[in-house]
N, C-alpha and C. Protein backbone atom coordinates (compact mmCIF):
# COMPACT_ATOMS: atom_id res chain seq x y z
N MET A 1 -41.71 21.69 -24.34
CA MET A 1 -40.41 22.18 -23.99
C MET A 1 -40.08 21.87 -22.53
N ARG A 2 -41.06 22.04 -21.64
CA ARG A 2 -40.84 21.73 -20.23
C ARG A 2 -40.50 20.26 -20.04
N LEU A 3 -41.16 19.41 -20.78
CA LEU A 3 -40.90 17.98 -20.68
C LEU A 3 -39.45 17.67 -21.09
N ILE A 4 -38.97 18.29 -22.12
CA ILE A 4 -37.60 18.07 -22.58
C ILE A 4 -36.61 18.54 -21.51
N ILE A 5 -36.87 19.67 -20.89
CA ILE A 5 -35.98 20.18 -19.83
C ILE A 5 -35.99 19.22 -18.64
N LYS A 6 -37.18 18.72 -18.26
CA LYS A 6 -37.27 17.78 -17.14
C LYS A 6 -36.52 16.49 -17.46
N LEU A 7 -36.63 15.99 -18.68
CA LEU A 7 -35.91 14.78 -19.08
C LEU A 7 -34.40 15.00 -19.04
N LEU A 8 -33.95 16.15 -19.50
CA LEU A 8 -32.52 16.45 -19.47
C LEU A 8 -32.00 16.51 -18.04
N ILE A 9 -32.76 17.11 -17.15
CA ILE A 9 -32.37 17.19 -15.74
C ILE A 9 -32.30 15.79 -15.14
N CYS A 10 -33.30 14.96 -15.44
CA CYS A 10 -33.29 13.58 -14.93
C CYS A 10 -32.10 12.80 -15.46
N LEU A 11 -31.78 12.96 -16.72
CA LEU A 11 -30.64 12.26 -17.30
C LEU A 11 -29.32 12.72 -16.69
N CYS A 12 -29.24 13.99 -16.34
CA CYS A 12 -28.02 14.51 -15.72
C CYS A 12 -27.89 14.05 -14.27
N LEU A 13 -28.99 13.96 -13.54
CA LEU A 13 -28.94 13.61 -12.13
C LEU A 13 -28.86 12.11 -11.89
N LEU A 14 -29.31 11.28 -12.81
CA LEU A 14 -29.31 9.84 -12.63
C LEU A 14 -27.90 9.30 -12.40
N PRO A 15 -26.91 9.64 -13.23
CA PRO A 15 -25.56 9.15 -12.95
C PRO A 15 -25.00 9.66 -11.62
N ALA A 16 -25.35 10.86 -11.23
CA ALA A 16 -24.84 11.41 -9.96
C ALA A 16 -25.39 10.65 -8.77
N THR A 17 -26.67 10.26 -8.80
CA THR A 17 -27.24 9.52 -7.67
C THR A 17 -26.69 8.11 -7.63
N THR A 18 -26.40 7.51 -8.77
CA THR A 18 -25.80 6.19 -8.79
C THR A 18 -24.39 6.25 -8.24
N ALA A 19 -23.63 7.23 -8.61
CA ALA A 19 -22.27 7.38 -8.11
C ALA A 19 -22.25 7.66 -6.62
N ALA A 20 -23.25 8.36 -6.12
CA ALA A 20 -23.30 8.72 -4.71
C ALA A 20 -23.52 7.51 -3.81
N GLN A 21 -23.99 6.39 -4.37
CA GLN A 21 -24.26 5.21 -3.57
C GLN A 21 -22.99 4.39 -3.34
N GLU A 22 -21.90 4.72 -3.94
CA GLU A 22 -20.66 4.00 -3.78
C GLU A 22 -19.88 4.53 -2.58
N LYS A 23 -18.88 3.74 -2.18
CA LYS A 23 -17.96 4.20 -1.15
C LYS A 23 -17.01 5.21 -1.75
N ILE A 24 -16.66 6.19 -0.97
CA ILE A 24 -15.65 7.17 -1.37
C ILE A 24 -14.44 6.90 -0.49
N ARG A 25 -13.31 6.55 -1.11
CA ARG A 25 -12.11 6.18 -0.36
C ARG A 25 -10.96 7.13 -0.71
N LYS A 26 -10.19 7.48 0.28
CA LYS A 26 -8.97 8.26 0.08
C LYS A 26 -7.88 7.68 0.98
N PHE A 27 -6.70 7.55 0.41
CA PHE A 27 -5.55 7.03 1.14
C PHE A 27 -4.38 7.89 0.70
N ILE A 28 -3.90 8.76 1.59
CA ILE A 28 -2.89 9.76 1.23
C ILE A 28 -1.72 9.69 2.22
N VAL A 29 -0.51 9.85 1.70
CA VAL A 29 0.68 9.88 2.54
C VAL A 29 1.52 11.09 2.13
N GLY A 30 2.18 11.69 3.11
CA GLY A 30 3.04 12.83 2.79
C GLY A 30 3.68 13.40 4.03
N PRO A 31 4.55 14.37 3.84
CA PRO A 31 5.23 15.00 4.98
C PRO A 31 4.26 15.86 5.78
N HIS A 32 4.52 15.92 7.08
CA HIS A 32 3.73 16.77 7.97
C HIS A 32 4.71 17.32 9.00
N GLY A 33 5.28 18.47 8.69
CA GLY A 33 6.33 19.01 9.54
C GLY A 33 7.55 18.10 9.48
N GLU A 34 8.04 17.71 10.64
CA GLU A 34 9.19 16.80 10.71
C GLU A 34 8.76 15.34 10.72
N GLN A 35 7.47 15.09 10.53
CA GLN A 35 6.92 13.74 10.60
C GLN A 35 6.38 13.31 9.24
N ILE A 36 5.88 12.10 9.21
CA ILE A 36 5.15 11.59 8.06
C ILE A 36 3.71 11.39 8.51
N ARG A 37 2.77 11.78 7.67
CA ARG A 37 1.36 11.59 7.99
C ARG A 37 0.73 10.70 6.92
N ILE A 38 -0.01 9.72 7.39
CA ILE A 38 -0.77 8.83 6.52
C ILE A 38 -2.23 8.99 6.90
N VAL A 39 -3.08 9.26 5.91
CA VAL A 39 -4.51 9.45 6.18
C VAL A 39 -5.30 8.46 5.33
N TYR A 40 -6.15 7.70 6.00
CA TYR A 40 -7.08 6.81 5.31
C TYR A 40 -8.47 7.27 5.70
N ALA A 41 -9.33 7.48 4.73
CA ALA A 41 -10.72 7.89 5.01
C ALA A 41 -11.64 7.18 4.04
N VAL A 42 -12.76 6.71 4.56
CA VAL A 42 -13.77 6.08 3.72
C VAL A 42 -15.14 6.60 4.16
N THR A 43 -15.94 6.97 3.18
CA THR A 43 -17.28 7.46 3.44
C THR A 43 -18.28 6.54 2.76
N ASP A 44 -19.23 6.05 3.54
CA ASP A 44 -20.32 5.23 3.01
C ASP A 44 -21.59 6.07 3.05
N ILE A 45 -22.27 6.13 1.93
CA ILE A 45 -23.54 6.84 1.88
C ILE A 45 -24.62 5.89 2.40
N LEU A 46 -25.35 6.31 3.42
CA LEU A 46 -26.43 5.52 4.02
C LEU A 46 -27.76 6.07 3.52
N PRO A 47 -28.83 5.29 3.66
CA PRO A 47 -30.14 5.77 3.19
C PRO A 47 -30.56 7.11 3.79
N ASP A 48 -30.21 7.35 5.07
CA ASP A 48 -30.63 8.61 5.70
C ASP A 48 -29.46 9.47 6.14
N GLY A 49 -28.24 9.16 5.67
CA GLY A 49 -27.09 9.94 6.09
C GLY A 49 -25.80 9.37 5.53
N TYR A 50 -24.76 9.36 6.39
CA TYR A 50 -23.48 8.84 5.94
C TYR A 50 -22.69 8.29 7.12
N LYS A 51 -21.70 7.47 6.80
CA LYS A 51 -20.76 6.95 7.79
C LYS A 51 -19.36 7.32 7.30
N LEU A 52 -18.60 8.00 8.14
CA LEU A 52 -17.24 8.41 7.82
C LEU A 52 -16.29 7.76 8.81
N GLN A 53 -15.29 7.05 8.29
CA GLN A 53 -14.29 6.44 9.14
C GLN A 53 -12.92 6.94 8.68
N SER A 54 -12.08 7.32 9.65
CA SER A 54 -10.75 7.79 9.27
C SER A 54 -9.71 7.25 10.24
N MET A 55 -8.55 7.02 9.68
CA MET A 55 -7.38 6.62 10.45
C MET A 55 -6.26 7.58 10.06
N ILE A 56 -5.75 8.32 11.03
CA ILE A 56 -4.65 9.24 10.79
C ILE A 56 -3.45 8.72 11.57
N ILE A 57 -2.37 8.50 10.84
CA ILE A 57 -1.15 7.97 11.45
C ILE A 57 -0.06 9.02 11.30
N ASP A 58 0.52 9.43 12.41
CA ASP A 58 1.70 10.30 12.40
C ASP A 58 2.85 9.46 12.92
N LEU A 59 3.99 9.52 12.21
CA LEU A 59 5.14 8.74 12.64
C LEU A 59 6.42 9.50 12.36
N ALA A 60 7.45 9.12 13.11
CA ALA A 60 8.77 9.72 12.90
C ALA A 60 9.28 9.28 11.54
N ARG A 61 10.03 10.15 10.91
CA ARG A 61 10.60 9.81 9.60
C ARG A 61 11.51 8.60 9.72
N VAL A 62 11.46 7.76 8.69
CA VAL A 62 12.32 6.58 8.61
C VAL A 62 12.97 6.55 7.23
N LYS A 63 14.06 5.82 7.12
CA LYS A 63 14.76 5.75 5.83
C LYS A 63 14.04 4.86 4.83
N ASN A 64 13.41 3.78 5.33
CA ASN A 64 12.64 2.90 4.46
C ASN A 64 11.51 2.27 5.25
N SER A 65 10.57 1.63 4.57
CA SER A 65 9.38 1.10 5.24
C SER A 65 9.69 -0.10 6.12
N ASN A 66 10.88 -0.69 6.01
CA ASN A 66 11.25 -1.82 6.88
C ASN A 66 11.78 -1.35 8.23
N GLU A 67 12.21 -0.10 8.30
CA GLU A 67 12.73 0.45 9.54
C GLU A 67 11.56 0.81 10.46
N GLU A 68 11.72 0.51 11.73
CA GLU A 68 10.66 0.83 12.69
C GLU A 68 10.81 2.27 13.16
N PRO A 69 9.72 3.08 13.07
CA PRO A 69 9.81 4.47 13.51
C PRO A 69 9.98 4.56 15.03
N SER A 70 10.57 5.67 15.49
CA SER A 70 10.79 5.84 16.93
C SER A 70 9.47 6.06 17.68
N PHE A 71 8.43 6.55 16.99
CA PHE A 71 7.11 6.67 17.60
C PHE A 71 6.04 6.59 16.50
N VAL A 72 4.85 6.17 16.91
CA VAL A 72 3.69 6.13 16.03
C VAL A 72 2.50 6.65 16.83
N LEU A 73 1.75 7.57 16.25
CA LEU A 73 0.53 8.09 16.86
C LEU A 73 -0.62 7.77 15.91
N VAL A 74 -1.69 7.18 16.44
CA VAL A 74 -2.83 6.77 15.62
C VAL A 74 -4.10 7.41 16.16
N ASP A 75 -4.86 8.03 15.27
CA ASP A 75 -6.16 8.62 15.60
C ASP A 75 -7.20 7.89 14.77
N LEU A 76 -8.07 7.14 15.44
CA LEU A 76 -9.16 6.42 14.78
C LEU A 76 -10.47 7.14 15.10
N THR A 77 -11.21 7.51 14.07
CA THR A 77 -12.49 8.18 14.27
C THR A 77 -13.53 7.54 13.38
N SER A 78 -14.67 7.22 13.96
CA SER A 78 -15.79 6.65 13.21
C SER A 78 -17.03 7.48 13.53
N THR A 79 -17.67 8.02 12.50
CA THR A 79 -18.84 8.89 12.67
C THR A 79 -19.99 8.40 11.81
N VAL A 80 -21.16 8.29 12.41
CA VAL A 80 -22.39 8.01 11.67
C VAL A 80 -23.32 9.18 11.93
N ARG A 81 -23.78 9.80 10.85
CA ARG A 81 -24.64 10.97 10.98
C ARG A 81 -25.91 10.77 10.17
N SER A 82 -27.03 11.10 10.80
CA SER A 82 -28.32 11.09 10.13
C SER A 82 -28.59 12.50 9.62
N LEU A 83 -28.82 12.62 8.33
CA LEU A 83 -29.11 13.94 7.77
C LEU A 83 -30.54 14.36 8.08
N ALA A 84 -31.42 13.38 8.28
CA ALA A 84 -32.81 13.70 8.57
C ALA A 84 -32.97 14.30 9.97
N THR A 85 -32.30 13.70 10.97
CA THR A 85 -32.48 14.17 12.35
C THR A 85 -31.30 14.99 12.85
N GLY A 86 -30.16 14.92 12.17
CA GLY A 86 -28.97 15.62 12.63
C GLY A 86 -28.22 14.87 13.71
N GLU A 87 -28.73 13.69 14.10
CA GLU A 87 -28.10 12.89 15.15
C GLU A 87 -26.72 12.41 14.68
N LYS A 88 -25.77 12.42 15.64
CA LYS A 88 -24.41 11.99 15.33
C LYS A 88 -23.95 11.01 16.39
N GLN A 89 -23.38 9.89 15.92
CA GLN A 89 -22.74 8.93 16.81
C GLN A 89 -21.27 8.88 16.39
N GLN A 90 -20.38 9.16 17.33
CA GLN A 90 -18.98 9.24 16.98
C GLN A 90 -18.13 8.51 18.02
N LYS A 91 -17.15 7.76 17.51
CA LYS A 91 -16.19 7.08 18.37
C LYS A 91 -14.81 7.58 18.00
N ILE A 92 -14.02 7.94 19.02
CA ILE A 92 -12.69 8.48 18.79
C ILE A 92 -11.71 7.75 19.72
N LEU A 93 -10.63 7.25 19.13
CA LEU A 93 -9.58 6.61 19.90
C LEU A 93 -8.25 7.15 19.43
N VAL A 94 -7.45 7.64 20.38
CA VAL A 94 -6.12 8.15 20.05
C VAL A 94 -5.12 7.38 20.92
N LEU A 95 -4.13 6.78 20.25
CA LEU A 95 -3.11 6.05 20.97
C LEU A 95 -1.76 6.27 20.32
N ARG A 96 -0.72 6.01 21.08
CA ARG A 96 0.62 6.15 20.55
C ARG A 96 1.52 5.11 21.22
N TRP A 97 2.56 4.75 20.49
CA TRP A 97 3.54 3.86 21.06
C TRP A 97 4.92 4.25 20.54
N LYS A 98 5.90 3.85 21.32
CA LYS A 98 7.29 4.15 20.97
C LYS A 98 7.98 2.87 20.55
N LYS A 99 9.13 3.02 19.96
CA LYS A 99 9.93 1.89 19.51
C LYS A 99 10.22 0.94 20.68
N THR A 100 10.30 1.52 21.87
CA THR A 100 10.58 0.72 23.08
C THR A 100 9.40 -0.17 23.47
N GLY A 101 8.24 0.05 22.87
CA GLY A 101 7.06 -0.75 23.18
C GLY A 101 6.09 -0.08 24.13
N GLU A 102 6.46 1.06 24.68
CA GLU A 102 5.59 1.79 25.59
C GLU A 102 4.32 2.24 24.86
N LEU A 103 3.16 1.89 25.41
CA LEU A 103 1.87 2.17 24.79
C LEU A 103 1.07 3.13 25.67
N GLU A 104 0.52 4.18 25.06
CA GLU A 104 -0.29 5.15 25.79
C GLU A 104 -1.56 5.46 25.01
N PHE A 105 -2.64 5.69 25.76
CA PHE A 105 -3.91 6.13 25.18
C PHE A 105 -4.19 7.53 25.67
N LYS A 106 -4.89 8.30 24.85
CA LYS A 106 -5.33 9.62 25.28
C LYS A 106 -6.70 9.47 25.93
N CYS A 107 -6.71 9.66 27.24
CA CYS A 107 -7.95 9.52 28.02
C CYS A 107 -8.27 10.87 28.66
N ASP A 108 -9.40 11.43 28.33
CA ASP A 108 -9.84 12.70 28.91
C ASP A 108 -8.76 13.79 28.77
N GLY A 109 -8.09 13.82 27.62
CA GLY A 109 -7.09 14.85 27.34
C GLY A 109 -5.71 14.56 27.87
N ASN A 110 -5.54 13.48 28.63
CA ASN A 110 -4.23 13.14 29.20
C ASN A 110 -3.74 11.80 28.65
N TRP A 111 -2.44 11.66 28.52
CA TRP A 111 -1.86 10.40 28.07
C TRP A 111 -1.69 9.47 29.26
N THR A 112 -2.22 8.24 29.14
CA THR A 112 -2.10 7.25 30.21
C THR A 112 -1.54 5.95 29.63
N LYS A 113 -0.66 5.32 30.38
CA LYS A 113 -0.08 4.05 29.94
C LYS A 113 -1.14 2.97 30.00
N GLN A 114 -1.11 2.08 29.02
CA GLN A 114 -2.10 1.01 28.94
C GLN A 114 -1.40 -0.31 28.66
N GLU A 115 -2.08 -1.36 29.04
CA GLU A 115 -1.63 -2.71 28.72
C GLU A 115 -2.18 -3.10 27.35
N LYS A 116 -1.46 -3.96 26.69
CA LYS A 116 -1.92 -4.43 25.39
C LYS A 116 -3.02 -5.46 25.57
N GLY A 117 -3.81 -5.62 24.52
CA GLY A 117 -4.87 -6.61 24.48
C GLY A 117 -5.09 -7.00 23.03
N ALA A 118 -6.04 -7.87 22.78
CA ALA A 118 -6.29 -8.37 21.42
C ALA A 118 -6.65 -7.24 20.46
N VAL A 119 -7.50 -6.29 20.90
CA VAL A 119 -7.92 -5.20 20.02
C VAL A 119 -6.75 -4.27 19.73
N VAL A 120 -5.95 -3.96 20.74
CA VAL A 120 -4.79 -3.09 20.55
C VAL A 120 -3.77 -3.76 19.63
N ASP A 121 -3.58 -5.07 19.83
CA ASP A 121 -2.66 -5.81 18.95
C ASP A 121 -3.11 -5.72 17.50
N LYS A 122 -4.42 -5.82 17.27
CA LYS A 122 -4.97 -5.74 15.91
C LYS A 122 -4.75 -4.34 15.33
N ILE A 123 -4.95 -3.30 16.15
CA ILE A 123 -4.73 -1.92 15.70
C ILE A 123 -3.26 -1.74 15.32
N GLN A 124 -2.36 -2.21 16.17
CA GLN A 124 -0.93 -2.06 15.89
C GLN A 124 -0.52 -2.85 14.65
N GLU A 125 -1.02 -4.06 14.50
CA GLU A 125 -0.70 -4.88 13.33
C GLU A 125 -1.20 -4.23 12.05
N THR A 126 -2.42 -3.71 12.07
CA THR A 126 -2.99 -3.04 10.89
C THR A 126 -2.22 -1.75 10.58
N THR A 127 -1.86 -1.01 11.62
CA THR A 127 -1.08 0.22 11.43
C THR A 127 0.26 -0.10 10.76
N LYS A 128 0.92 -1.15 11.21
CA LYS A 128 2.19 -1.54 10.61
C LYS A 128 1.99 -1.95 9.15
N SER A 129 0.88 -2.63 8.84
CA SER A 129 0.58 -3.00 7.44
C SER A 129 0.39 -1.76 6.58
N VAL A 130 -0.30 -0.76 7.14
CA VAL A 130 -0.51 0.50 6.41
C VAL A 130 0.84 1.17 6.16
N ILE A 131 1.67 1.26 7.18
CA ILE A 131 2.97 1.92 7.06
C ILE A 131 3.83 1.23 5.99
N GLN A 132 3.79 -0.09 5.96
CA GLN A 132 4.61 -0.84 5.00
C GLN A 132 4.06 -0.76 3.57
N SER A 133 2.81 -0.32 3.41
CA SER A 133 2.20 -0.33 2.08
C SER A 133 2.24 1.04 1.38
N VAL A 134 2.85 2.03 2.01
CA VAL A 134 2.87 3.37 1.41
C VAL A 134 4.31 3.84 1.16
N PRO A 135 4.49 4.75 0.21
CA PRO A 135 5.83 5.29 -0.03
C PRO A 135 6.16 6.36 1.02
N LEU A 136 6.99 6.01 1.97
CA LEU A 136 7.30 6.91 3.08
C LEU A 136 8.23 8.05 2.70
N ASN A 137 8.77 8.03 1.49
CA ASN A 137 9.69 9.08 1.07
C ASN A 137 9.01 10.14 0.21
N SER A 138 7.68 10.21 0.23
CA SER A 138 6.95 11.21 -0.56
C SER A 138 7.31 12.61 -0.11
N LYS A 139 7.60 13.48 -1.05
CA LYS A 139 7.94 14.87 -0.75
C LYS A 139 6.69 15.75 -0.69
N THR A 140 5.61 15.29 -1.32
CA THR A 140 4.34 16.00 -1.33
C THR A 140 3.23 15.00 -1.01
N PRO A 141 2.05 15.45 -0.58
CA PRO A 141 0.96 14.52 -0.35
C PRO A 141 0.66 13.70 -1.61
N THR A 142 0.65 12.39 -1.44
CA THR A 142 0.48 11.48 -2.56
C THR A 142 -0.65 10.52 -2.28
N GLU A 143 -1.58 10.40 -3.23
CA GLU A 143 -2.66 9.43 -3.08
C GLU A 143 -2.15 8.05 -3.42
N VAL A 144 -2.52 7.08 -2.60
CA VAL A 144 -2.07 5.70 -2.74
C VAL A 144 -3.30 4.82 -2.95
N PRO A 145 -3.23 3.84 -3.84
CA PRO A 145 -4.37 2.94 -4.00
C PRO A 145 -4.54 2.05 -2.76
N VAL A 146 -5.78 1.72 -2.44
CA VAL A 146 -6.10 0.88 -1.29
C VAL A 146 -6.31 -0.54 -1.80
N THR A 147 -5.54 -1.48 -1.28
CA THR A 147 -5.75 -2.88 -1.67
C THR A 147 -6.96 -3.42 -0.93
N THR A 148 -7.58 -4.43 -1.49
CA THR A 148 -8.76 -5.05 -0.87
C THR A 148 -8.39 -5.64 0.48
N GLU A 149 -7.23 -6.28 0.57
CA GLU A 149 -6.79 -6.88 1.83
C GLU A 149 -6.62 -5.84 2.92
N LEU A 150 -5.98 -4.72 2.59
CA LEU A 150 -5.78 -3.66 3.57
C LEU A 150 -7.11 -3.02 3.97
N GLU A 151 -7.99 -2.83 3.01
CA GLU A 151 -9.30 -2.27 3.32
C GLU A 151 -10.09 -3.17 4.27
N GLN A 152 -9.98 -4.48 4.09
CA GLN A 152 -10.65 -5.41 5.00
C GLN A 152 -10.06 -5.34 6.40
N LYS A 153 -8.73 -5.25 6.50
CA LYS A 153 -8.09 -5.12 7.82
C LYS A 153 -8.55 -3.84 8.52
N LEU A 154 -8.59 -2.73 7.78
CA LEU A 154 -9.02 -1.46 8.36
C LEU A 154 -10.49 -1.52 8.79
N SER A 155 -11.31 -2.16 8.00
CA SER A 155 -12.72 -2.32 8.35
C SER A 155 -12.88 -3.10 9.65
N LEU A 156 -12.08 -4.16 9.82
CA LEU A 156 -12.13 -4.95 11.06
C LEU A 156 -11.70 -4.12 12.27
N VAL A 157 -10.72 -3.27 12.08
CA VAL A 157 -10.28 -2.39 13.18
C VAL A 157 -11.41 -1.46 13.60
N PHE A 158 -12.08 -0.84 12.62
CA PHE A 158 -13.18 0.08 12.96
C PHE A 158 -14.33 -0.68 13.61
N ASP A 159 -14.59 -1.90 13.16
CA ASP A 159 -15.66 -2.70 13.76
C ASP A 159 -15.34 -3.11 15.19
N SER A 160 -14.06 -3.16 15.54
CA SER A 160 -13.66 -3.59 16.89
C SER A 160 -13.67 -2.46 17.91
N LEU A 161 -13.99 -1.25 17.50
CA LEU A 161 -13.99 -0.13 18.43
C LEU A 161 -15.20 -0.22 19.36
N ASN A 162 -14.96 -0.68 20.58
CA ASN A 162 -16.02 -0.71 21.59
C ASN A 162 -15.44 -0.36 22.95
N THR A 163 -16.26 0.21 23.79
CA THR A 163 -15.79 0.73 25.08
C THR A 163 -15.40 -0.37 26.06
N GLN A 164 -15.90 -1.60 25.88
CA GLN A 164 -15.52 -2.68 26.78
C GLN A 164 -14.05 -3.07 26.57
N ALA A 165 -13.61 -3.14 25.33
CA ALA A 165 -12.23 -3.53 25.03
C ALA A 165 -11.26 -2.35 25.11
N LEU A 166 -11.77 -1.14 24.95
CA LEU A 166 -10.92 0.05 24.90
C LEU A 166 -11.48 1.10 25.86
N PRO A 167 -11.01 1.12 27.10
CA PRO A 167 -11.58 2.05 28.08
C PRO A 167 -11.41 3.52 27.75
N CYS A 168 -10.43 3.87 26.93
CA CYS A 168 -10.21 5.28 26.59
C CYS A 168 -10.91 5.69 25.31
N LEU A 169 -11.75 4.83 24.77
CA LEU A 169 -12.51 5.16 23.57
C LEU A 169 -13.58 6.18 23.95
N ARG A 170 -13.56 7.32 23.27
CA ARG A 170 -14.60 8.33 23.51
C ARG A 170 -15.78 8.02 22.62
N ASP A 171 -16.94 7.93 23.23
CA ASP A 171 -18.18 7.67 22.50
C ASP A 171 -19.02 8.94 22.58
N VAL A 172 -19.07 9.70 21.48
CA VAL A 172 -19.72 11.01 21.46
C VAL A 172 -21.06 10.90 20.74
N HIS A 173 -22.09 11.48 21.34
CA HIS A 173 -23.42 11.50 20.70
C HIS A 173 -23.86 12.92 20.49
């Protein structure tokens, strides 16, 4: 009888461990006060922990996805955590720009004007691709499918987060 119970437990847990090895992706858009919020999050299960990457975009309401919003705020966060040791490596970058082109980064809690560069251009280009790929008129939070092309662009943005190219990138350990 014990053997049968152990076999049943193994059969129940086997699909769960296989599913846990996949990426978990969420891409949601919806109203957030007087703004629109777009959230992209992907979690990769690692052998000793996990990696969580998120992009949160807040923007002024627009009539359609072709219209440029009066402002865009982007929060990029990448976290790698070891469950065995509890160690955490986290990178956080918060930036915003206005329709006028003015670009600011959040550095040490304060907004500072910054010049554009290749990495910032890539972040802005990817953000615009995200904005154009979601239904901006959602009345409630709506999950949106992630295209392979967009997922690759987002992955490249997270891979480009380094303190040499982005002086206001917070690197938390």
